[in-house]
C-alpha atoms as a PDB file:
ATOM      1  CA  MET A   1       0.000   0.000   0.000  1.00  0.00           C
ATOM      2  CA  ASN A   2       1.531   3.298  -1.054  1.00  0.00           C
ATOM      3  CA  ALA A   3       1.200   6.687   0.596  1.00  0.00           C
ATOM      4  CA  SER A   4      -1.622   7.938  -1.632  1.00  0.00           C
ATOM      5  CA  GLU A   5      -3.734   4.859  -0.855  1.00  0.00           C
ATOM      6  CA  GLN A   6      -3.151   5.363   2.861  1.00  0.00           C
ATOM      7  CA  GLY A   7      -4.066   9.037   2.581  1.00  0.00           C
ATOM      8  CA  PHE A   8      -7.240   8.138   0.694  1.00  0.00           C
ATOM      9  CA  GLY A   9      -8.140   5.594   3.383  1.00  0.00           C
ATOM     10  CA  ILE A  10      -7.703   8.187   6.120  1.00  0.00           C
ATOM     11  CA  ILE A  11      -9.871  10.688   4.234  1.00  0.00           C
ATOM     12  CA  VAL A  12     -12.608   8.096   3.724  1.00  0.00           C
ATOM     13  CA  ALA A  13     -12.520   7.258   7.438  1.00  0.00           C
ATOM     14  CA  LEU A  14     -12.722  10.936   8.392  1.00  0.00           C
ATOM     15  CA  LEU A  15     -15.717  11.415   6.105  1.00  0.00           C
ATOM     16  CA  PHE A  16     -17.388   8.241   7.401  1.00  0.00           C
ATOM     17  CA  LEU A  17     -17.180   9.065  11.120  1.00  0.00           C
ATOM     18  CA  PRO A  18     -19.537  12.091  11.031  1.00  0.00           C
ATOM     19  CA  LEU A  19     -22.028   9.935   9.136  1.00  0.00           C
ATOM     20  CA  VAL A  20     -21.861   7.337  11.904  1.00  0.00           C
ATOM     21  CA  GLN A  21     -22.475  10.046  14.497  1.00  0.00           C
ATOM     22  CA  LEU A  22     -25.481  11.358  12.553  1.00  0.00           C
ATOM     23  CA  VAL A  23     -26.945   7.849  12.315  1.00  0.00           C
ATOM     24  CA  ALA A  24     -26.423   7.412  16.064  1.00  0.00           C
ATOM     25  CA  SER A  25     -28.309  10.666  16.716  1.00  0.00           C
ATOM     26  CA  ILE A  26     -31.197   9.545  14.506  1.00  0.00           C
ATOM     27  CA  LEU A  27     -31.365   6.142  16.194  1.00  0.00           C
ATOM     28  CA  THR A  28     -31.297   7.807  19.617  1.00  0.00           C
ATOM     29  CA  SER A  29     -34.176  10.094  18.665  1.00  0.00           C
ATOM     30  CA  ILE A  30     -36.183   7.077  17.465  1.00  0.00           C
ATOM     31  CA  TRP A  31     -35.399   5.254  20.700  1.00  0.00           C
ATOM     32  CA  MET A  32     -36.462   8.285  22.731  1.00  0.00           C
ATOM     33  CA  GLY A  33     -39.717   8.428  20.779  1.00  0.00           C
ATOM     34  CA  ILE A  34     -40.462   4.778  21.419  1.00  0.00           C
ATOM     35  CA  ARG A  35     -39.496   4.890  25.100  1.00  0.00           C
ATOM     36  CA  SER A  36     -41.308   8.157  25.819  1.00  0.00           C
ATOM     37  CA  ALA A  37     -43.092   6.781  28.889  1.00  0.00           C
ATOM     38  CA  HIS A  38     -39.758   6.252  30.652  1.00  0.00           C
ATOM     39  CA  LEU A  39     -38.377   9.737  30.031  1.00  0.00           C
ATOM     40  CA  PRO A  40     -39.378  12.300  32.660  1.00  0.00           C
ATOM     41  CA  ASP A  41     -38.515  15.318  30.474  1.00  0.00           C
ATOM     42  CA  LYS A  42     -38.746  14.206  26.865  1.00  0.00           C
ATOM     43  CA  LYS A  43     -38.834  17.734  25.432  1.00  0.00           C
ATOM     44  CA  ALA A  44     -35.567  18.759  27.118  1.00  0.00           C
ATOM     45  CA  SER A  45     -33.896  15.499  26.062  1.00  0.00           C
ATOM     46  CA  LEU A  46     -34.892  15.991  22.436  1.00  0.00           C
ATOM     47  CA  LYS A  47     -33.674  19.604  22.574  1.00  0.00           C
ATOM     48  CA  ILE A  48     -30.255  18.497  23.821  1.00  0.00           C
ATOM     49  CA  LEU A  49     -30.068  15.746  21.198  1.00  0.00           C
ATOM     50  CA  GLY A  50     -31.011  18.285  18.524  1.00  0.00           C
ATOM     51  CA  LYS A  51     -28.200  20.603  19.609  1.00  0.00           C
ATOM     52  CA  ILE A  52     -25.699  17.736  19.572  1.00  0.00           C
ATOM     53  CA  THR A  53     -26.836  16.685  16.095  1.00  0.00           C
ATOM     54  CA  LEU A  54     -26.779  20.247  14.743  1.00  0.00           C
ATOM     55  CA  TRP A  55     -23.271  20.997  16.018  1.00  0.00           C
ATOM     56  CA  SER A  56     -21.998  17.619  14.807  1.00  0.00           C
ATOM     57  CA  PHE A  57     -23.381  18.335  11.350  1.00  0.00           C
ATOM     58  CA  LEU A  58     -21.938  21.857  11.283  1.00  0.00           C
ATOM     59  CA  GLY A  59     -18.557  20.566  12.470  1.00  0.00           C
ATOM     60  CA  ALA A  60     -18.530  17.908   9.765  1.00  0.00           C
ATOM     61  CA  LEU A  61     -19.480  20.511   7.185  1.00  0.00           C
ATOM     62  CA  ALA A  62     -16.707  22.857   8.343  1.00  0.00           C
ATOM     63  CA  GLY A  63     -14.204  20.007   8.302  1.00  0.00           C
ATOM     64  CA  GLY A  64     -15.239  18.992   4.803  1.00  0.00           C
ATOM     65  CA  ILE A  65     -14.890  22.550   3.546  1.00  0.00           C
ATOM     66  CA  ALA A  66     -11.478  22.837   5.225  1.00  0.00           C
ATOM     67  CA  MET A  67     -10.328  19.624   3.523  1.00  0.00           C
ATOM     68  CA  ILE A  68     -11.516  20.821   0.121  1.00  0.00           C
ATOM     69  CA  VAL A  69      -9.778  24.181   0.572  1.00  0.00           C
ATOM     70  CA  GLY A  70      -6.630  22.403   1.746  1.00  0.00           C
ATOM     71  CA  PHE A  71      -6.604  20.127  -1.290  1.00  0.00           C
ATOM     72  CA  LYS A  72      -7.073  23.099  -3.614  1.00  0.00           C
ATOM     73  CA  MET A  73      -4.228  24.996  -1.921  1.00  0.00           C
ATOM     74  CA  PHE A  74      -1.730  22.149  -2.059  1.00  0.00           C
ATOM     75  CA  ASN A  75      -2.459  20.860  -5.578  1.00  0.00           C
END
């Protein structure tokens, strides 16, 4: 495996991890919806989960833009 293949593998992993986090947030929201009888403050829990999901998405977006800009600068 040469250096460019390793670099590509790292980039794919870095792009895949935010997707995994987004899927985890969606699954958690579904779980919270199903188990609503056991949550004392469902509205506050969903608000916190929404903030986590929003900031994760924005961070992934910023990271993706930074990678694209970096590739354009160094090519």
